[in-house]
PDB file of N, CA and C in Angstrom:
ATOM      1  N   UNK A   1      40.727 -65.431  49.755  1.00  0.00           N
ATOM      2  CA  UNK A   1      39.966 -64.461  50.521  1.00  0.00           C
ATOM      3  C   UNK A   1      38.776 -65.165  51.160  1.00  0.00           C
ATOM      4  N   UNK A   2      38.840 -65.319  52.430  1.00  0.00           N
ATOM      5  CA  UNK A   2      37.733 -65.991  53.105  1.00  0.00           C
ATOM      6  C   UNK A   2      36.931 -65.040  53.983  1.00  0.00           C
ATOM      7  N   UNK A   3      37.323 -63.765  54.006  1.00  0.00           N
ATOM      8  CA  UNK A   3      36.602 -62.759  54.786  1.00  0.00           C
ATOM      9  C   UNK A   3      36.049 -61.691  53.855  1.00  0.00           C
ATOM     10  N   UNK A   4      34.780 -61.378  54.035  1.00  0.00           N
ATOM     11  CA  UNK A   4      34.121 -60.309  53.296  1.00  0.00           C
ATOM     12  C   UNK A   4      33.809 -59.180  54.260  1.00  0.00           C
ATOM     13  N   UNK A   5      34.195 -57.968  53.872  1.00  0.00           N
ATOM     14  CA  UNK A   5      33.782 -56.759  54.581  1.00  0.00           C
ATOM     15  C   UNK A   5      32.997 -55.932  53.578  1.00  0.00           C
ATOM     16  N   UNK A   6      31.790 -55.531  53.958  1.00  0.00           N
ATOM     17  CA  UNK A   6      30.951 -54.750  53.057  1.00  0.00           C
ATOM     18  C   UNK A   6      30.263 -53.635  53.824  1.00  0.00           C
ATOM     19  N   UNK A   7      30.104 -52.500  53.149  1.00  0.00           N
ATOM     20  CA  UNK A   7      29.291 -51.421  53.702  1.00  0.00           C
ATOM     21  C   UNK A   7      27.830 -51.782  53.456  1.00  0.00           C
ATOM     22  N   UNK A   8      27.004 -51.535  54.436  1.00  0.00           N
ATOM     23  CA  UNK A   8      25.565 -51.764  54.319  1.00  0.00           C
ATOM     24  C   UNK A   8      24.898 -50.500  54.844  1.00  0.00           C
ATOM     25  N   UNK A   9      24.603 -49.587  53.922  1.00  0.00           N
ATOM     26  CA  UNK A   9      24.113 -48.288  54.349  1.00  0.00           C
ATOM     27  C   UNK A   9      23.081 -47.787  53.357  1.00  0.00           C
ATOM     28  N   UNK A  10      23.308 -46.611  52.817  1.00  0.00           N
ATOM     29  CA  UNK A  10      22.353 -45.985  51.916  1.00  0.00           C
ATOM     30  C   UNK A  10      22.647 -46.355  50.471  1.00  0.00           C
ATOM     31  N   UNK A  11      21.628 -46.215  49.655  1.00  0.00           N
ATOM     32  CA  UNK A  11      21.772 -46.481  48.231  1.00  0.00           C
ATOM     33  C   UNK A  11      20.720 -47.472  47.774  1.00  0.00           C
ATOM     34  N   UNK A  12      19.893 -47.042  46.850  1.00  0.00           N
ATOM     35  CA  UNK A  12      18.792 -47.881  46.372  1.00  0.00           C
ATOM     36  C   UNK A  12      19.324 -49.180  45.768  1.00  0.00           C
ATOM     37  N   UNK A  13      18.823 -50.292  46.252  1.00  0.00           N
ATOM     38  CA  UNK A  13      19.187 -51.596  45.717  1.00  0.00           C
ATOM     39  C   UNK A  13      20.490 -52.172  46.224  1.00  0.00           C
ATOM     40  N   UNK A  14      21.208 -51.420  47.046  1.00  0.00           N
ATOM     41  CA  UNK A  14      22.532 -51.890  47.467  1.00  0.00           C
ATOM     42  C   UNK A  14      22.460 -53.010  48.495  1.00  0.00           C
ATOM     43  N   UNK A  15      21.404 -53.074  49.268  1.00  0.00           N
ATOM     44  CA  UNK A  15      21.268 -54.169  50.235  1.00  0.00           C
ATOM     45  C   UNK A  15      21.130 -55.497  49.502  1.00  0.00           C
ATOM     46  N   UNK A  16      20.464 -55.473  48.348  1.00  0.00           N
ATOM     47  CA  UNK A  16      20.319 -56.688  47.542  1.00  0.00           C
ATOM     48  C   UNK A  16      21.676 -57.165  47.059  1.00  0.00           C
ATOM     49  N   UNK A  17      22.530 -56.235  46.631  1.00  0.00           N
ATOM     50  CA  UNK A  17      23.870 -56.622  46.192  1.00  0.00           C
ATOM     51  C   UNK A  17      24.653 -57.247  47.342  1.00  0.00           C
ATOM     52  N   UNK A  18      24.582 -56.649  48.505  1.00  0.00           N
ATOM     53  CA  UNK A  18      25.304 -57.188  49.661  1.00  0.00           C
ATOM     54  C   UNK A  18      24.780 -58.584  50.008  1.00  0.00           C
ATOM     55  N   UNK A  19      23.470 -58.756  50.016  1.00  0.00           N
ATOM     56  CA  UNK A  19      22.885 -60.068  50.325  1.00  0.00           C
ATOM     57  C   UNK A  19      23.321 -61.113  49.307  1.00  0.00           C
ATOM     58  N   UNK A  20      23.376 -60.740  48.037  1.00  0.00           N
ATOM     59  CA  UNK A  20      23.801 -61.671  46.989  1.00  0.00           C
ATOM     60  C   UNK A  20      25.278 -62.002  47.130  1.00  0.00           C
ATOM     61  N   UNK A  21      26.100 -61.016  47.466  1.00  0.00           N
ATOM     62  CA  UNK A  21      27.533 -61.271  47.688  1.00  0.00           C
ATOM     63  C   UNK A  21      27.749 -62.253  48.837  1.00  0.00           C
ATOM     64  N   UNK A  22      26.965 -62.111  49.884  1.00  0.00           N
ATOM     65  CA  UNK A  22      27.086 -63.012  51.033  1.00  0.00           C
ATOM     66  C   UNK A  22      26.823 -64.455  50.604  1.00  0.00           C
ATOM     67  N   UNK A  23      25.870 -64.636  49.697  1.00  0.00           N
ATOM     68  CA  UNK A  23      25.523 -65.978  49.222  1.00  0.00           C
ATOM     69  C   UNK A  23      26.429 -66.468  48.094  1.00  0.00           C
ATOM     70  N   UNK A  24      27.259 -65.586  47.539  1.00  0.00           N
ATOM     71  CA  UNK A  24      28.045 -65.914  46.347  1.00  0.00           C
ATOM     72  C   UNK A  24      29.135 -66.949  46.575  1.00  0.00           C
ATOM     73  N   UNK A  25      29.606 -67.057  47.789  1.00  0.00           N
ATOM     74  CA  UNK A  25      30.626 -68.059  48.093  1.00  0.00           C
ATOM     75  C   UNK A  25      30.624 -68.331  49.586  1.00  0.00           C
ATOM     76  N   UNK A  26      31.239 -69.430  50.003  1.00  0.00           N
ATOM     77  CA  UNK A  26      31.235 -69.766  51.439  1.00  0.00           C
ATOM     78  C   UNK A  26      32.296 -68.980  52.212  1.00  0.00           C
ATOM     79  N   UNK A  27      31.947 -67.783  52.641  1.00  0.00           N
ATOM     80  CA  UNK A  27      32.854 -66.936  53.404  1.00  0.00           C
ATOM     81  C   UNK A  27      33.052 -67.513  54.802  1.00  0.00           C
ATOM     82  N   UNK A  28      34.268 -67.412  55.333  1.00  0.00           N
ATOM     83  CA  UNK A  28      34.517 -67.802  56.723  1.00  0.00           C
ATOM     84  C   UNK A  28      34.011 -66.732  57.684  1.00  0.00           C
ATOM     85  N   UNK A  29      34.183 -65.475  57.288  1.00  0.00           N
ATOM     86  CA  UNK A  29      33.753 -64.333  58.106  1.00  0.00           C
ATOM     87  C   UNK A  29      33.103 -63.293  57.214  1.00  0.00           C
ATOM     88  N   UNK A  30      32.036 -62.704  57.718  1.00  0.00           N
ATOM     89  CA  UNK A  30      31.365 -61.610  57.017  1.00  0.00           C
ATOM     90  C   UNK A  30      31.145 -60.497  58.035  1.00  0.00           C
ATOM     91  N   UNK A  31      31.683 -59.324  57.716  1.00  0.00           N
ATOM     92  CA  UNK A  31      31.504 -58.148  58.569  1.00  0.00           C
ATOM     93  C   UNK A  31      30.792 -57.077  57.757  1.00  0.00           C
ATOM     94  N   UNK A  32      29.684 -56.588  58.278  1.00  0.00           N
ATOM     95  CA  UNK A  32      28.940 -55.524  57.621  1.00  0.00           C
ATOM     96  C   UNK A  32      29.096 -54.239  58.414  1.00  0.00           C
ATOM     97  N   UNK A  33      29.605 -53.221  57.742  1.00  0.00           N
ATOM     98  CA  UNK A  33      29.754 -51.898  58.342  1.00  0.00           C
ATOM     99  C   UNK A  33      28.423 -51.192  58.117  1.00  0.00           C
ATOM    100  N   UNK A  34      27.701 -50.926  59.199  1.00  0.00           N
ATOM    101  CA  UNK A  34      26.344 -50.420  59.063  1.00  0.00           C
ATOM    102  C   UNK A  34      25.981 -49.530  60.249  1.00  0.00           C
ATOM    103  N   UNK A  35      24.767 -49.033  60.230  1.00  0.00           N
ATOM    104  CA  UNK A  35      24.253 -48.263  61.363  1.00  0.00           C
ATOM    105  C   UNK A  35      23.274 -49.141  62.148  1.00  0.00           C
ATOM    106  N   UNK A  36      22.677 -48.598  63.170  1.00  0.00           N
ATOM    107  CA  UNK A  36      21.762 -49.375  64.010  1.00  0.00           C
ATOM    108  C   UNK A  36      20.579 -49.897  63.203  1.00  0.00           C
ATOM    109  N   UNK A  37      20.081 -49.085  62.272  1.00  0.00           N
ATOM    110  CA  UNK A  37      18.966 -49.505  61.419  1.00  0.00           C
ATOM    111  C   UNK A  37      19.342 -50.747  60.616  1.00  0.00           C
ATOM    112  N   UNK A  38      20.543 -50.743  60.040  1.00  0.00           N
ATOM    113  CA  UNK A  38      21.004 -51.899  59.272  1.00  0.00           C
ATOM    114  C   UNK A  38      21.118 -53.143  60.130  1.00  0.00           C
ATOM    115  N   UNK A  39      21.648 -52.981  61.320  1.00  0.00           N
ATOM    116  CA  UNK A  39      21.793 -54.121  62.233  1.00  0.00           C
ATOM    117  C   UNK A  39      20.433 -54.721  62.580  1.00  0.00           C
ATOM    118  N   UNK A  40      19.454 -53.857  62.789  1.00  0.00           N
ATOM    119  CA  UNK A  40      18.132 -54.326  63.194  1.00  0.00           C
ATOM    120  C   UNK A  40      17.310 -54.895  62.041  1.00  0.00           C
ATOM    121  N   UNK A  41      17.595 -54.477  60.803  1.00  0.00           N
ATOM    122  CA  UNK A  41      16.715 -54.828  59.691  1.00  0.00           C
ATOM    123  C   UNK A  41      17.311 -55.738  58.630  1.00  0.00           C
ATOM    124  N   UNK A  42      18.619 -55.877  58.574  1.00  0.00           N
ATOM    125  CA  UNK A  42      19.216 -56.748  57.555  1.00  0.00           C
ATOM    126  C   UNK A  42      19.144 -58.190  58.021  1.00  0.00           C
ATOM    127  N   UNK A  43      18.627 -59.031  57.160  1.00  0.00           N
ATOM    128  CA  UNK A  43      18.527 -60.458  57.467  1.00  0.00           C
ATOM    129  C   UNK A  43      19.637 -61.184  56.717  1.00  0.00           C
ATOM    130  N   UNK A  44      20.561 -61.704  57.438  1.00  0.00           N
ATOM    131  CA  UNK A  44      21.658 -62.432  56.819  1.00  0.00           C
ATOM    132  C   UNK A  44      22.649 -62.872  57.871  1.00  0.00           C
ATOM    133  N   UNK A  45      23.463 -63.810  57.515  1.00  0.00           N
ATOM    134  CA  UNK A  45      24.451 -64.362  58.433  1.00  0.00           C
ATOM    135  C   UNK A  45      25.713 -63.503  58.394  1.00  0.00           C
ATOM    136  N   UNK A  46      25.820 -62.558  59.304  1.00  0.00           N
ATOM    137  CA  UNK A  46      26.966 -61.646  59.310  1.00  0.00           C
ATOM    138  C   UNK A  46      27.170 -61.080  60.706  1.00  0.00           C
ATOM    139  N   UNK A  47      28.385 -60.584  60.924  1.00  0.00           N
ATOM    140  CA  UNK A  47      28.685 -59.835  62.146  1.00  0.00           C
ATOM    141  C   UNK A  47      28.583 -58.357  61.779  1.00  0.00           C
ATOM    142  N   UNK A  48      28.043 -57.579  62.696  1.00  0.00           N
ATOM    143  CA  UNK A  48      27.814 -56.167  62.414  1.00  0.00           C
ATOM    144  C   UNK A  48      28.830 -55.287  63.123  1.00  0.00           C
ATOM    145  N   UNK A  49      29.360 -54.332  62.379  1.00  0.00           N
ATOM    146  CA  UNK A  49      30.205 -53.275  62.915  1.00  0.00           C
ATOM    147  C   UNK A  49      29.342 -52.019  62.825  1.00  0.00           C
ATOM    148  N   UNK A  50      28.829 -51.584  63.961  1.00  0.00           N
ATOM    149  CA  UNK A  50      27.849 -50.496  63.976  1.00  0.00           C
ATOM    150  C   UNK A  50      28.549 -49.159  64.177  1.00  0.00           C
ATOM    151  N   UNK A  51      28.269 -48.245  63.240  1.00  0.00           N
ATOM    152  CA  UNK A  51      28.794 -46.882  63.308  1.00  0.00           C
ATOM    153  C   UNK A  51      27.639 -45.913  63.077  1.00  0.00           C
ATOM    154  N   UNK A  52      27.876 -44.638  63.344  1.00  0.00           N
ATOM    155  CA  UNK A  52      26.878 -43.607  63.078  1.00  0.00           C
ATOM    156  C   UNK A  52      27.537 -42.496  62.266  1.00  0.00           C
ATOM    157  N   UNK A  53      27.598 -42.676  60.940  1.00  0.00           N
ATOM    158  CA  UNK A  53      28.289 -41.694  60.103  1.00  0.00           C
ATOM    159  C   UNK A  53      27.577 -40.353  59.993  1.00  0.00           C
ATOM    160  N   UNK A  54      26.319 -40.304  60.400  1.00  0.00           N
ATOM    161  CA  UNK A  54      25.556 -39.069  60.263  1.00  0.00           C
ATOM    162  C   UNK A  54      25.548 -38.227  61.527  1.00  0.00           C
ATOM    163  N   UNK A  55      26.168 -38.730  62.584  1.00  0.00           N
ATOM    164  CA  UNK A  55      26.314 -37.947  63.806  1.00  0.00           C
ATOM    165  C   UNK A  55      27.250 -36.785  63.492  1.00  0.00           C
ATOM    166  N   UNK A  56      26.914 -35.612  63.950  1.00  0.00           N
ATOM    167  CA  UNK A  56      27.663 -34.400  63.605  1.00  0.00           C
ATOM    168  C   UNK A  56      29.148 -34.521  63.930  1.00  0.00           C
ATOM    169  N   UNK A  57      29.480 -35.152  65.028  1.00  0.00           N
ATOM    170  CA  UNK A  57      30.878 -35.248  65.459  1.00  0.00           C
ATOM    171  C   UNK A  57      31.641 -36.372  64.764  1.00  0.00           C
ATOM    172  N   UNK A  58      30.984 -37.134  63.888  1.00  0.00           N
ATOM    173  CA  UNK A  58      31.631 -38.272  63.234  1.00  0.00           C
ATOM    174  C   UNK A  58      32.492 -37.817  62.061  1.00  0.00           C
ATOM    175  N   UNK A  59      33.780 -37.698  62.306  1.00  0.00           N
ATOM    176  CA  UNK A  59      34.714 -37.405  61.228  1.00  0.00           C
ATOM    177  C   UNK A  59      35.167 -38.723  60.627  1.00  0.00           C
ATOM    178  N   UNK A  60      35.813 -38.664  59.481  1.00  0.00           N
ATOM    179  CA  UNK A  60      36.355 -39.878  58.875  1.00  0.00           C
ATOM    180  C   UNK A  60      37.335 -40.532  59.835  1.00  0.00           C
ATOM    181  N   UNK A  61      38.146 -39.731  60.507  1.00  0.00           N
ATOM    182  CA  UNK A  61      39.121 -40.278  61.461  1.00  0.00           C
ATOM    183  C   UNK A  61      38.446 -41.006  62.616  1.00  0.00           C
ATOM    184  N   UNK A  62      37.388 -40.419  63.165  1.00  0.00           N
ATOM    185  CA  UNK A  62      36.713 -41.079  64.288  1.00  0.00           C
ATOM    186  C   UNK A  62      35.990 -42.343  63.833  1.00  0.00           C
ATOM    187  N   UNK A  63      35.412 -42.321  62.642  1.00  0.00           N
ATOM    188  CA  UNK A  63      34.771 -43.525  62.107  1.00  0.00           C
ATOM    189  C   UNK A  63      35.804 -44.618  61.857  1.00  0.00           C
ATOM    190  N   UNK A  64      36.966 -44.225  61.338  1.00  0.00           N
ATOM    191  CA  UNK A  64      38.051 -45.182  61.098  1.00  0.00           C
ATOM    192  C   UNK A  64      38.434 -45.879  62.389  1.00  0.00           C
ATOM    193  N   UNK A  65      38.621 -45.113  63.442  1.00  0.00           N
ATOM    194  CA  UNK A  65      39.024 -45.691  64.724  1.00  0.00           C
ATOM    195  C   UNK A  65      37.936 -46.606  65.294  1.00  0.00           C
ATOM    196  N   UNK A  66      36.679 -46.231  65.116  1.00  0.00           N
ATOM    197  CA  UNK A  66      35.571 -47.056  65.606  1.00  0.00           C
ATOM    198  C   UNK A  66      35.513 -48.391  64.852  1.00  0.00           C
ATOM    199  N   UNK A  67      35.659 -48.339  63.550  1.00  0.00           N
ATOM    200  CA  UNK A  67      35.653 -49.566  62.742  1.00  0.00           C
ATOM    201  C   UNK A  67      36.847 -50.433  63.110  1.00  0.00           C
ATOM    202  N   UNK A  68      38.000 -49.819  63.201  1.00  0.00           N
ATOM    203  CA  UNK A  68      39.228 -50.552  63.542  1.00  0.00           C
ATOM    204  C   UNK A  68      39.090 -51.235  64.898  1.00  0.00           C
ATOM    205  N   UNK A  69      38.548 -50.526  65.869  1.00  0.00           N
ATOM    206  CA  UNK A  69      38.369 -51.075  67.220  1.00  0.00           C
ATOM    207  C   UNK A  69      37.464 -52.313  67.195  1.00  0.00           C
ATOM    208  N   UNK A  70      36.403 -52.245  66.402  1.00  0.00           N
ATOM    209  CA  UNK A  70      35.459 -53.358  66.358  1.00  0.00           C
ATOM    210  C   UNK A  70      35.966 -54.551  65.539  1.00  0.00           C
ATOM    211  N   UNK A  71      36.920 -54.321  64.641  1.00  0.00           N
ATOM    212  CA  UNK A  71      37.470 -55.414  63.825  1.00  0.00           C
ATOM    213  C   UNK A  71      38.768 -55.987  64.391  1.00  0.00           C
ATOM    214  N   UNK A  72      39.396 -55.256  65.300  1.00  0.00           N
ATOM    215  CA  UNK A  72      40.694 -55.653  65.868  1.00  0.00           C
ATOM    216  C   UNK A  72      40.670 -57.104  66.334  1.00  0.00           C
ATOM    217  N   UNK A  73      41.656 -57.871  65.918  1.00  0.00           N
ATOM    218  CA  UNK A  73      41.856 -59.277  66.325  1.00  0.00           C
ATOM    219  C   UNK A  73      40.757 -60.230  65.867  1.00  0.00           C
ATOM    220  N   UNK A  74      39.921 -59.817  64.936  1.00  0.00           N
ATOM    221  CA  UNK A  74      38.841 -60.691  64.466  1.00  0.00           C
ATOM    222  C   UNK A  74      39.092 -61.252  63.074  1.00  0.00           C
ATOM    223  N   UNK A  75      40.172 -60.801  62.421  1.00  0.00           N
ATOM    224  CA  UNK A  75      40.458 -61.247  61.058  1.00  0.00           C
ATOM    225  C   UNK A  75      41.858 -61.829  61.015  1.00  0.00           C
ATOM    226  N   UNK A  76      41.943 -63.094  60.647  1.00  0.00           N
ATOM    227  CA  UNK A  76      43.239 -63.774  60.584  1.00  0.00           C
ATOM    228  C   UNK A  76      43.841 -63.737  59.182  1.00  0.00           C
ATOM    229  N   UNK A  77      43.054 -63.359  58.193  1.00  0.00           N
ATOM    230  CA  UNK A  77      43.524 -63.324  56.805  1.00  0.00           C
ATOM    231  C   UNK A  77      44.491 -62.166  56.580  1.00  0.00           C
ATOM    232  N   UNK A  78      45.265 -62.286  55.513  1.00  0.00           N
ATOM    233  CA  UNK A  78      46.133 -61.183  55.099  1.00  0.00           C
ATOM    234  C   UNK A  78      45.428 -60.299  54.078  1.00  0.00           C
ATOM    235  N   UNK A  79      44.496 -60.895  53.351  1.00  0.00           N
ATOM    236  CA  UNK A  79      43.762 -60.180  52.312  1.00  0.00           C
ATOM    237  C   UNK A  79      42.277 -60.466  52.488  1.00  0.00           C
ATOM    238  N   UNK A  80      41.477 -59.435  52.341  1.00  0.00           N
ATOM    239  CA  UNK A  80      40.032 -59.578  52.497  1.00  0.00           C
ATOM    240  C   UNK A  80      39.340 -59.120  51.219  1.00  0.00           C
ATOM    241  N   UNK A  81      38.092 -59.533  51.064  1.00  0.00           N
ATOM    242  CA  UNK A  81      37.239 -59.048  49.984  1.00  0.00           C
ATOM    243  C   UNK A  81      36.485 -57.837  50.524  1.00  0.00           C
ATOM    244  N   UNK A  82      36.433 -56.771  49.737  1.00  0.00           N
ATOM    245  CA  UNK A  82      35.817 -55.519  50.182  1.00  0.00           C
ATOM    246  C   UNK A  82      34.796 -55.053  49.160  1.00  0.00           C
ATOM    247  N   UNK A  83      33.582 -54.769  49.623  1.00  0.00           N
ATOM    248  CA  UNK A  83      32.539 -54.250  48.754  1.00  0.00           C
ATOM    249  C   UNK A  83      32.053 -52.917  49.303  1.00  0.00           C
ATOM    250  N   UNK A  84      32.050 -51.913  48.429  1.00  0.00           N
ATOM    251  CA  UNK A  84      31.659 -50.559  48.823  1.00  0.00           C
ATOM    252  C   UNK A  84      30.473 -50.054  48.008  1.00  0.00           C
ATOM    253  N   UNK A  85      29.618 -50.963  47.547  1.00  0.00           N
ATOM    254  CA  UNK A  85      28.481 -50.566  46.720  1.00  0.00           C
ATOM    255  C   UNK A  85      27.459 -49.745  47.501  1.00  0.00           C
ATOM    256  N   UNK A  86      27.388 -49.955  48.789  1.00  0.00           N
ATOM    257  CA  UNK A  86      26.428 -49.261  49.634  1.00  0.00           C
ATOM    258  C   UNK A  86      27.154 -48.234  50.494  1.00  0.00           C
ATOM    259  N   UNK A  87      26.488 -47.140  50.784  1.00  0.00           N
ATOM    260  CA  UNK A  87      27.073 -46.160  51.694  1.00  0.00           C
ATOM    261  C   UNK A  87      27.600 -44.910  51.021  1.00  0.00           C
ATOM    262  N   UNK A  88      28.197 -44.063  51.846  1.00  0.00           N
ATOM    263  CA  UNK A  88      28.701 -42.764  51.397  1.00  0.00           C
ATOM    264  C   UNK A  88      30.219 -42.793  51.257  1.00  0.00           C
ATOM    265  N   UNK A  89      30.741 -41.785  50.621  1.00  0.00           N
ATOM    266  CA  UNK A  89      32.189 -41.660  50.491  1.00  0.00           C
ATOM    267  C   UNK A  89      32.882 -41.593  51.840  1.00  0.00           C
ATOM    268  N   UNK A  90      32.252 -40.941  52.794  1.00  0.00           N
ATOM    269  CA  UNK A  90      32.806 -40.834  54.154  1.00  0.00           C
ATOM    270  C   UNK A  90      32.952 -42.222  54.777  1.00  0.00           C
ATOM    271  N   UNK A  91      31.922 -43.043  54.624  1.00  0.00           N
ATOM    272  CA  UNK A  91      31.980 -44.412  55.143  1.00  0.00           C
ATOM    273  C   UNK A  91      33.037 -45.226  54.403  1.00  0.00           C
ATOM    274  N   UNK A  92      33.097 -45.069  53.093  1.00  0.00           N
ATOM    275  CA  UNK A  92      34.059 -45.819  52.287  1.00  0.00           C
ATOM    276  C   UNK A  92      35.496 -45.484  52.679  1.00  0.00           C
ATOM    277  N   UNK A  93      35.787 -44.199  52.847  1.00  0.00           N
ATOM    278  CA  UNK A  93      37.145 -43.809  53.252  1.00  0.00           C
ATOM    279  C   UNK A  93      37.496 -44.385  54.612  1.00  0.00           C
ATOM    280  N   UNK A  94      36.559 -44.344  55.550  1.00  0.00           N
ATOM    281  CA  UNK A  94      36.815 -44.857  56.898  1.00  0.00           C
ATOM    282  C   UNK A  94      37.060 -46.366  56.877  1.00  0.00           C
ATOM    283  N   UNK A  95      36.275 -47.097  56.109  1.00  0.00           N
ATOM    284  CA  UNK A  95      36.445 -48.553  56.022  1.00  0.00           C
ATOM    285  C   UNK A  95      37.794 -48.894  55.395  1.00  0.00           C
ATOM    286  N   UNK A  96      38.118 -48.249  54.287  1.00  0.00           N
ATOM    287  CA  UNK A  96      39.392 -48.536  53.618  1.00  0.00           C
ATOM    288  C   UNK A  96      40.574 -48.217  54.523  1.00  0.00           C
ATOM    289  N   UNK A  97      40.523 -47.097  55.208  1.00  0.00           N
ATOM    290  CA  UNK A  97      41.627 -46.725  56.097  1.00  0.00           C
ATOM    291  C   UNK A  97      41.733 -47.689  57.274  1.00  0.00           C
ATOM    292  N   UNK A  98      40.611 -48.098  57.839  1.00  0.00           N
ATOM    293  CA  UNK A  98      40.638 -49.058  58.953  1.00  0.00           C
ATOM    294  C   UNK A  98      41.257 -50.379  58.507  1.00  0.00           C
ATOM    295  N   UNK A  99      40.881 -50.858  57.338  1.00  0.00           N
ATOM    296  CA  UNK A  99      41.436 -52.107  56.800  1.00  0.00           C
ATOM    297  C   UNK A  99      42.948 -51.976  56.630  1.00  0.00           C
ATOM    298  N   UNK A 100      43.388 -50.863  56.067  1.00  0.00           N
ATOM    299  CA  UNK A 100      44.829 -50.653  55.868  1.00  0.00           C
ATOM    300  C   UNK A 100      45.568 -50.530  57.193  1.00  0.00           C
ATOM    301  N   UNK A 101      44.988 -49.814  58.162  1.00  0.00           N
ATOM    302  CA  UNK A 101      45.635 -49.664  59.472  1.00  0.00           C
ATOM    303  C   UNK A 101      45.713 -50.990  60.225  1.00  0.00           C
ATOM    304  N   UNK A 102      44.821 -51.917  59.907  1.00  0.00           N
ATOM    305  CA  UNK A 102      44.871 -53.249  60.511  1.00  0.00           C
ATOM    306  C   UNK A 102      45.905 -54.142  59.822  1.00  0.00           C
ATOM    307  N   UNK A 103      46.572 -53.599  58.809  1.00  0.00           N
ATOM    308  CA  UNK A 103      47.618 -54.348  58.117  1.00  0.00           C
ATOM    309  C   UNK A 103      47.098 -55.331  57.084  1.00  0.00           C
ATOM    310  N   UNK A 104      45.870 -55.132  56.649  1.00  0.00           N
ATOM    311  CA  UNK A 104      45.265 -56.037  55.678  1.00  0.00           C
ATOM    312  C   UNK A 104      45.336 -55.444  54.277  1.00  0.00           C
ATOM    313  N   UNK A 105      45.456 -56.302  53.301  1.00  0.00           N
ATOM    314  CA  UNK A 105      45.274 -55.854  51.926  1.00  0.00           C
ATOM    315  C   UNK A 105      43.867 -56.269  51.517  1.00  0.00           C
ATOM    316  N   UNK A 106      43.400 -55.724  50.409  1.00  0.00           N
ATOM    317  CA  UNK A 106      42.033 -56.044  50.012  1.00  0.00           C
ATOM    318  C   UNK A 106      41.910 -56.119  48.505  1.00  0.00           C
ATOM    319  N   UNK A 107      40.904 -56.855  48.093  1.00  0.00           N
ATOM    320  CA  UNK A 107      40.462 -56.913  46.708  1.00  0.00           C
ATOM    321  C   UNK A 107      39.033 -56.404  46.691  1.00  0.00           C
ATOM    322  N   UNK A 108      38.743 -55.536  45.746  1.00  0.00           N
ATOM    323  CA  UNK A 108      37.379 -55.048  45.601  1.00  0.00           C
ATOM    324  C   UNK A 108      36.549 -56.113  44.897  1.00  0.00           C
ATOM    325  N   UNK A 109      35.376 -56.375  45.449  1.00  0.00           N
ATOM    326  CA  UNK A 109      34.483 -57.370  44.861  1.00  0.00           C
ATOM    327  C   UNK A 109      33.137 -56.734  44.566  1.00  0.00           C
ATOM    328  N   UNK A 110      32.496 -57.248  43.534  1.00  0.00           N
ATOM    329  CA  UNK A 110      31.181 -56.770  43.132  1.00  0.00           C
ATOM    330  C   UNK A 110      30.433 -57.933  42.507  1.00  0.00           C
ATOM    331  N   UNK A 111      29.299 -57.636  41.918  1.00  0.00           N
ATOM    332  CA  UNK A 111      28.529 -58.656  41.212  1.00  0.00           C
ATOM    333  C   UNK A 111      28.543 -58.374  39.722  1.00  0.00           C
ATOM    334  N   UNK A 112      28.635 -59.434  38.957  1.00  0.00           N
ATOM    335  CA  UNK A 112      28.488 -59.348  37.503  1.00  0.00           C
ATOM    336  C   UNK A 112      27.594 -60.516  37.118  1.00  0.00           C
ATOM    337  N   UNK A 113      26.436 -60.206  36.551  1.00  0.00           N
ATOM    338  CA  UNK A 113      25.446 -61.239  36.221  1.00  0.00           C
ATOM    339  C   UNK A 113      25.115 -62.092  37.447  1.00  0.00           C
ATOM    340  N   UNK A 114      24.967 -61.424  38.578  1.00  0.00           N
ATOM    341  CA  UNK A 114      24.639 -62.072  39.865  1.00  0.00           C
ATOM    342  C   UNK A 114      25.686 -63.066  40.341  1.00  0.00           C
ATOM    343  N   UNK A 115      26.919 -62.910  39.877  1.00  0.00           N
ATOM    344  CA  UNK A 115      28.022 -63.763  40.333  1.00  0.00           C
ATOM    345  C   UNK A 115      29.136 -62.871  40.863  1.00  0.00           C
ATOM    346  N   UNK A 116      29.892 -63.413  41.800  1.00  0.00           N
ATOM    347  CA  UNK A 116      31.003 -62.677  42.398  1.00  0.00           C
ATOM    348  C   UNK A 116      32.043 -62.333  41.342  1.00  0.00           C
ATOM    349  N   UNK A 117      32.452 -61.074  41.316  1.00  0.00           N
ATOM    350  CA  UNK A 117      33.545 -60.645  40.447  1.00  0.00           C
ATOM    351  C   UNK A 117      34.592 -59.965  41.322  1.00  0.00           C
ATOM    352  N   UNK A 118      35.822 -60.429  41.215  1.00  0.00           N
ATOM    353  CA  UNK A 118      36.939 -59.799  41.907  1.00  0.00           C
ATOM    354  C   UNK A 118      37.560 -58.832  40.910  1.00  0.00           C
ATOM    355  N   UNK A 119      37.451 -57.545  41.177  1.00  0.00           N
ATOM    356  CA  UNK A 119      37.947 -56.547  40.232  1.00  0.00           C
ATOM    357  C   UNK A 119      39.454 -56.684  40.061  1.00  0.00           C
ATOM    358  N   UNK A 120      39.895 -56.569  38.835  1.00  0.00           N
ATOM    359  CA  UNK A 120      41.320 -56.661  38.540  1.00  0.00           C
ATOM    360  C   UNK A 120      41.812 -58.071  38.290  1.00  0.00           C
ATOM    361  N   UNK A 121      40.996 -59.078  38.572  1.00  0.00           N
ATOM    362  CA  UNK A 121      41.418 -60.465  38.354  1.00  0.00           C
ATOM    363  C   UNK A 121      40.689 -61.130  37.201  1.00  0.00           C
ATOM    364  N   UNK A 122      39.469 -60.712  36.944  1.00  0.00           N
ATOM    365  CA  UNK A 122      38.673 -61.338  35.888  1.00  0.00           C
ATOM    366  C   UNK A 122      38.814 -60.553  34.595  1.00  0.00           C
ATOM    367  N   UNK A 123      38.908 -61.263  33.466  1.00  0.00           N
ATOM    368  CA  UNK A 123      39.026 -60.569  32.168  1.00  0.00           C
ATOM    369  C   UNK A 123      37.745 -59.868  31.775  1.00  0.00           C
TER     370      UNK A 123
END
């Protein structure tokens, strides 16, 4: 897994987890699903996929299509690392569906003792 996709949105302390995940290994690509505020304020080496999940007309389906459109043809991997520690359920569903519609599989990643943990692989 050389590509990391992570939500960067709401949730106390979640930006720190995302920043630590970015530093946890040498990713080839990092995509952060965020809003305009996140794009303007997050300091880190990443590409931003900007969405507005709080806009009244933003359904999960429309967010999925927006994420998919912005990621289309940018990921060569078959499997990506996915972190959903930050954000809402609406954002999480849209990201997961976009990843699946792009034909990618994913492994959920998180931090354990400030180190990368791939869920389901580590004892």
